[in-house]
């Protein structure tokens, strides 16, 4: 089981999330979406497309751009991670 936590709060947990470029991508149903809010940040990957970002509010702390996802993958190679959430390793704890 791969688990993402922030200050002891579980943000995501899944038995076998896909790994792309060294990052776990968690299916939306394995993510605690109620702590997230949309960010205005975006970035572009040449083959995955435009990433959207999430901010989080956990235990009274706000964390900007803690995670990202691809709502409209650019290529079929990235279709399997559509709407899956990846987390910045320097902002959360990830255990596997």
N, C-alpha and C. Protein backbone atom coordinates (compact mmCIF):
# COMPACT_ATOMS: atom_id res chain seq x y z
N UNK A 1 0.85 -1.18 0.00
CA UNK A 1 0.00 0.00 0.00
C UNK A 1 0.89 1.24 0.00
N UNK A 2 0.66 2.13 -0.94
CA UNK A 2 1.39 3.39 -1.02
C UNK A 2 0.51 4.46 -0.37
N UNK A 3 1.11 5.22 0.56
CA UNK A 3 0.36 6.20 1.33
C UNK A 3 1.06 7.55 1.28
N UNK A 4 0.27 8.61 1.09
CA UNK A 4 0.76 9.99 1.12
C UNK A 4 0.17 10.66 2.35
N UNK A 5 1.06 11.26 3.16
CA UNK A 5 0.59 11.97 4.35
C UNK A 5 1.19 13.38 4.41
N UNK A 6 0.48 14.24 5.10
CA UNK A 6 0.99 15.58 5.41
C UNK A 6 0.74 15.80 6.89
N UNK A 7 1.79 15.97 7.67
CA UNK A 7 1.70 16.14 9.13
C UNK A 7 0.78 15.10 9.77
N UNK A 8 0.92 13.84 9.34
CA UNK A 8 0.16 12.74 9.92
C UNK A 8 -1.21 12.51 9.33
N UNK A 9 -1.70 13.42 8.49
CA UNK A 9 -3.01 13.25 7.84
C UNK A 9 -2.84 12.54 6.51
N UNK A 10 -3.59 11.47 6.32
CA UNK A 10 -3.52 10.72 5.06
C UNK A 10 -4.23 11.51 3.96
N UNK A 11 -3.50 11.76 2.86
CA UNK A 11 -4.06 12.49 1.72
C UNK A 11 -4.44 11.54 0.58
N UNK A 12 -3.72 10.42 0.47
CA UNK A 12 -4.00 9.45 -0.59
C UNK A 12 -3.45 8.10 -0.16
N UNK A 13 -4.12 7.04 -0.64
CA UNK A 13 -3.69 5.69 -0.32
C UNK A 13 -4.20 4.75 -1.41
N UNK A 14 -3.28 3.96 -1.96
CA UNK A 14 -3.67 3.03 -3.03
C UNK A 14 -2.69 1.85 -3.05
N UNK A 15 -3.19 0.69 -3.40
CA UNK A 15 -2.36 -0.51 -3.41
C UNK A 15 -1.34 -0.52 -4.55
N UNK A 16 -1.70 0.06 -5.68
CA UNK A 16 -0.82 -0.04 -6.84
C UNK A 16 -0.99 1.15 -7.78
N UNK A 17 -0.67 2.37 -7.32
CA UNK A 17 -0.82 3.52 -8.22
C UNK A 17 0.21 3.47 -9.35
N UNK A 18 -0.17 3.91 -10.54
CA UNK A 18 0.81 3.95 -11.63
C UNK A 18 1.97 4.87 -11.28
N UNK A 19 3.15 4.53 -11.78
CA UNK A 19 4.34 5.36 -11.59
C UNK A 19 4.77 5.87 -12.96
N UNK A 20 4.88 7.19 -13.07
CA UNK A 20 5.32 7.83 -14.31
C UNK A 20 6.44 8.79 -13.94
N UNK A 21 7.56 8.63 -14.60
CA UNK A 21 8.73 9.49 -14.36
C UNK A 21 9.06 9.61 -12.88
N UNK A 22 8.96 8.50 -12.15
CA UNK A 22 9.33 8.46 -10.75
C UNK A 22 8.29 9.00 -9.78
N UNK A 23 7.11 9.34 -10.27
CA UNK A 23 6.04 9.86 -9.42
C UNK A 23 4.86 8.91 -9.41
N UNK A 24 4.31 8.66 -8.20
CA UNK A 24 3.08 7.90 -8.08
C UNK A 24 1.91 8.78 -8.52
N UNK A 25 0.99 8.21 -9.29
CA UNK A 25 -0.23 8.90 -9.70
C UNK A 25 -1.41 8.15 -9.10
N UNK A 26 -2.08 8.80 -8.14
CA UNK A 26 -3.16 8.17 -7.40
C UNK A 26 -4.51 8.38 -8.09
N UNK A 27 -5.28 7.30 -8.26
CA UNK A 27 -6.62 7.45 -8.83
C UNK A 27 -7.46 8.38 -7.96
N UNK A 28 -8.36 9.15 -8.57
CA UNK A 28 -9.15 10.12 -7.79
C UNK A 28 -9.90 9.49 -6.60
N UNK A 29 -10.36 8.25 -6.74
CA UNK A 29 -11.12 7.63 -5.65
C UNK A 29 -10.24 7.20 -4.48
N UNK A 30 -8.91 7.32 -4.61
CA UNK A 30 -8.01 6.99 -3.51
C UNK A 30 -7.41 8.24 -2.86
N UNK A 31 -7.91 9.41 -3.26
CA UNK A 31 -7.40 10.69 -2.77
C UNK A 31 -8.47 11.37 -1.92
N UNK A 32 -8.05 11.95 -0.81
CA UNK A 32 -8.97 12.67 0.08
C UNK A 32 -9.22 14.07 -0.51
N UNK A 33 -10.06 14.11 -1.52
CA UNK A 33 -10.26 15.33 -2.31
C UNK A 33 -10.88 16.48 -1.51
N UNK A 34 -11.52 16.18 -0.39
CA UNK A 34 -12.17 17.25 0.37
C UNK A 34 -11.18 18.23 1.00
N UNK A 35 -9.90 17.89 1.08
CA UNK A 35 -8.91 18.84 1.62
C UNK A 35 -8.25 19.68 0.54
N UNK A 36 -8.59 19.42 -0.72
CA UNK A 36 -7.97 20.12 -1.84
C UNK A 36 -8.87 21.19 -2.42
N UNK A 37 -8.21 22.21 -2.96
CA UNK A 37 -8.92 23.24 -3.73
C UNK A 37 -8.09 23.53 -4.98
N UNK A 38 -8.74 23.94 -6.05
CA UNK A 38 -7.99 24.21 -7.28
C UNK A 38 -7.00 25.36 -7.11
N UNK A 39 -5.87 25.22 -7.74
CA UNK A 39 -4.85 26.27 -7.80
C UNK A 39 -4.92 26.90 -9.18
N UNK A 40 -4.43 28.12 -9.30
CA UNK A 40 -4.38 28.77 -10.62
C UNK A 40 -3.12 28.36 -11.39
N UNK A 41 -2.26 27.60 -10.75
CA UNK A 41 -1.00 27.17 -11.38
C UNK A 41 -1.25 26.10 -12.44
N UNK A 42 -0.52 26.21 -13.53
CA UNK A 42 -0.50 25.17 -14.56
C UNK A 42 0.95 25.02 -15.03
N UNK A 43 1.22 23.88 -15.62
CA UNK A 43 2.52 23.66 -16.27
C UNK A 43 2.28 22.74 -17.46
N UNK A 44 3.26 22.68 -18.35
CA UNK A 44 3.07 21.89 -19.57
C UNK A 44 4.19 20.87 -19.71
N UNK A 45 3.79 19.64 -19.94
CA UNK A 45 4.72 18.56 -20.26
C UNK A 45 4.55 18.26 -21.74
N UNK A 46 5.64 18.11 -22.49
CA UNK A 46 5.52 17.90 -23.93
C UNK A 46 4.68 16.68 -24.32
N UNK A 47 4.68 15.63 -23.50
CA UNK A 47 3.93 14.44 -23.90
C UNK A 47 2.69 14.17 -23.05
N UNK A 48 2.65 14.72 -21.81
CA UNK A 48 1.47 14.49 -20.97
C UNK A 48 0.44 15.60 -21.15
N UNK A 49 0.88 16.79 -21.50
CA UNK A 49 -0.05 17.90 -21.69
C UNK A 49 0.02 18.92 -20.58
N UNK A 50 -1.07 19.64 -20.37
CA UNK A 50 -1.13 20.70 -19.36
C UNK A 50 -1.59 20.14 -18.03
N UNK A 51 -0.77 20.36 -17.01
CA UNK A 51 -1.11 19.91 -15.66
C UNK A 51 -1.84 21.02 -14.92
N UNK A 52 -2.85 20.62 -14.16
CA UNK A 52 -3.52 21.52 -13.23
C UNK A 52 -3.04 21.15 -11.83
N UNK A 53 -3.15 22.10 -10.91
CA UNK A 53 -2.60 21.91 -9.56
C UNK A 53 -3.67 22.04 -8.50
N UNK A 54 -3.36 21.46 -7.34
CA UNK A 54 -4.21 21.57 -6.16
C UNK A 54 -3.43 22.23 -5.03
N UNK A 55 -4.15 23.06 -4.25
CA UNK A 55 -3.70 23.52 -2.96
C UNK A 55 -4.37 22.61 -1.94
N UNK A 56 -3.86 22.57 -0.72
CA UNK A 56 -4.48 21.75 0.32
C UNK A 56 -4.60 22.55 1.60
N UNK A 57 -5.63 22.22 2.37
CA UNK A 57 -5.80 22.78 3.70
C UNK A 57 -5.89 21.59 4.66
N UNK A 58 -4.84 21.43 5.48
CA UNK A 58 -4.74 20.26 6.35
C UNK A 58 -4.37 20.72 7.75
N UNK A 59 -5.21 20.39 8.70
CA UNK A 59 -4.92 20.73 10.09
C UNK A 59 -4.68 22.21 10.31
N UNK A 60 -5.41 23.05 9.61
CA UNK A 60 -5.27 24.50 9.76
C UNK A 60 -4.11 25.09 8.98
N UNK A 61 -3.37 24.26 8.25
CA UNK A 61 -2.26 24.76 7.43
C UNK A 61 -2.64 24.69 5.96
N UNK A 62 -2.31 25.75 5.24
CA UNK A 62 -2.54 25.78 3.79
C UNK A 62 -1.23 25.50 3.08
N UNK A 63 -1.29 24.62 2.10
CA UNK A 63 -0.10 24.27 1.32
C UNK A 63 -0.43 24.51 -0.15
N UNK A 64 0.27 25.45 -0.76
CA UNK A 64 0.03 25.77 -2.16
C UNK A 64 0.70 24.75 -3.07
N UNK A 65 0.00 24.42 -4.15
CA UNK A 65 0.55 23.55 -5.21
C UNK A 65 1.18 22.29 -4.65
N UNK A 66 0.44 21.58 -3.84
CA UNK A 66 0.93 20.36 -3.21
C UNK A 66 0.88 19.17 -4.17
N UNK A 67 0.01 19.26 -5.17
CA UNK A 67 -0.20 18.13 -6.07
C UNK A 67 -0.62 18.62 -7.45
N UNK A 68 -0.52 17.72 -8.42
CA UNK A 68 -0.93 18.06 -9.78
C UNK A 68 -1.62 16.88 -10.44
N UNK A 69 -2.32 17.16 -11.54
CA UNK A 69 -3.02 16.12 -12.30
C UNK A 69 -3.20 16.60 -13.73
N UNK A 70 -3.51 15.66 -14.60
CA UNK A 70 -3.72 15.96 -16.03
C UNK A 70 -5.18 15.69 -16.39
N UNK A 71 -6.00 16.75 -16.47
CA UNK A 71 -7.42 16.55 -16.80
C UNK A 71 -7.66 16.16 -18.25
N UNK A 72 -6.74 16.56 -19.13
CA UNK A 72 -6.88 16.27 -20.56
C UNK A 72 -5.52 15.87 -21.12
N UNK A 73 -5.10 14.61 -20.90
CA UNK A 73 -3.78 14.19 -21.38
C UNK A 73 -3.61 14.44 -22.87
N UNK A 74 -2.41 14.85 -23.23
CA UNK A 74 -2.10 15.20 -24.61
C UNK A 74 -1.97 13.96 -25.51
N UNK A 75 -1.41 12.89 -24.97
CA UNK A 75 -1.19 11.72 -25.81
C UNK A 75 -1.83 10.47 -25.18
N UNK A 76 -2.00 9.47 -26.00
CA UNK A 76 -2.58 8.21 -25.50
C UNK A 76 -1.66 7.55 -24.49
N UNK A 77 -0.37 7.86 -24.53
CA UNK A 77 0.58 7.29 -23.57
C UNK A 77 0.30 7.76 -22.14
N UNK A 78 -0.37 8.90 -22.00
CA UNK A 78 -0.67 9.45 -20.67
C UNK A 78 -2.14 9.26 -20.28
N UNK A 79 -2.92 8.65 -21.13
CA UNK A 79 -4.36 8.50 -20.86
C UNK A 79 -4.62 7.73 -19.56
N UNK A 80 -3.75 6.80 -19.21
CA UNK A 80 -3.95 5.99 -18.00
C UNK A 80 -3.78 6.79 -16.70
N UNK A 81 -3.26 8.01 -16.78
CA UNK A 81 -3.15 8.84 -15.58
C UNK A 81 -4.11 10.04 -15.60
N UNK A 82 -5.05 10.02 -16.51
CA UNK A 82 -6.05 11.10 -16.59
C UNK A 82 -6.71 11.27 -15.21
N UNK A 83 -6.68 12.49 -14.70
CA UNK A 83 -7.27 12.88 -13.42
C UNK A 83 -6.61 12.23 -12.20
N UNK A 84 -5.56 11.44 -12.39
CA UNK A 84 -4.83 10.87 -11.26
C UNK A 84 -3.97 11.98 -10.63
N UNK A 85 -3.79 11.90 -9.33
CA UNK A 85 -3.12 12.96 -8.57
C UNK A 85 -1.71 12.52 -8.16
N UNK A 86 -0.73 13.37 -8.47
CA UNK A 86 0.66 13.16 -8.05
C UNK A 86 1.03 14.26 -7.07
N UNK A 87 1.94 13.94 -6.15
CA UNK A 87 2.28 14.85 -5.07
C UNK A 87 3.76 15.24 -5.12
N UNK A 88 4.04 16.47 -4.70
CA UNK A 88 5.43 16.92 -4.60
C UNK A 88 6.09 16.23 -3.41
N UNK A 89 7.14 15.50 -3.67
CA UNK A 89 7.83 14.72 -2.64
C UNK A 89 8.43 15.60 -1.55
N UNK A 90 8.72 16.85 -1.86
CA UNK A 90 9.29 17.75 -0.85
C UNK A 90 8.20 18.43 0.01
N UNK A 91 6.93 18.16 -0.28
CA UNK A 91 5.85 18.77 0.49
C UNK A 91 5.05 17.76 1.30
N UNK A 92 5.20 16.46 1.01
CA UNK A 92 4.46 15.42 1.69
C UNK A 92 5.41 14.27 2.04
N UNK A 93 4.90 13.31 2.81
CA UNK A 93 5.63 12.06 3.07
C UNK A 93 4.95 10.96 2.27
N UNK A 94 5.76 10.16 1.57
CA UNK A 94 5.22 9.06 0.78
C UNK A 94 5.89 7.78 1.27
N UNK A 95 5.05 6.82 1.66
CA UNK A 95 5.58 5.53 2.10
C UNK A 95 5.00 4.43 1.22
N UNK A 96 5.86 3.48 0.90
CA UNK A 96 5.39 2.35 0.07
C UNK A 96 5.83 1.02 0.63
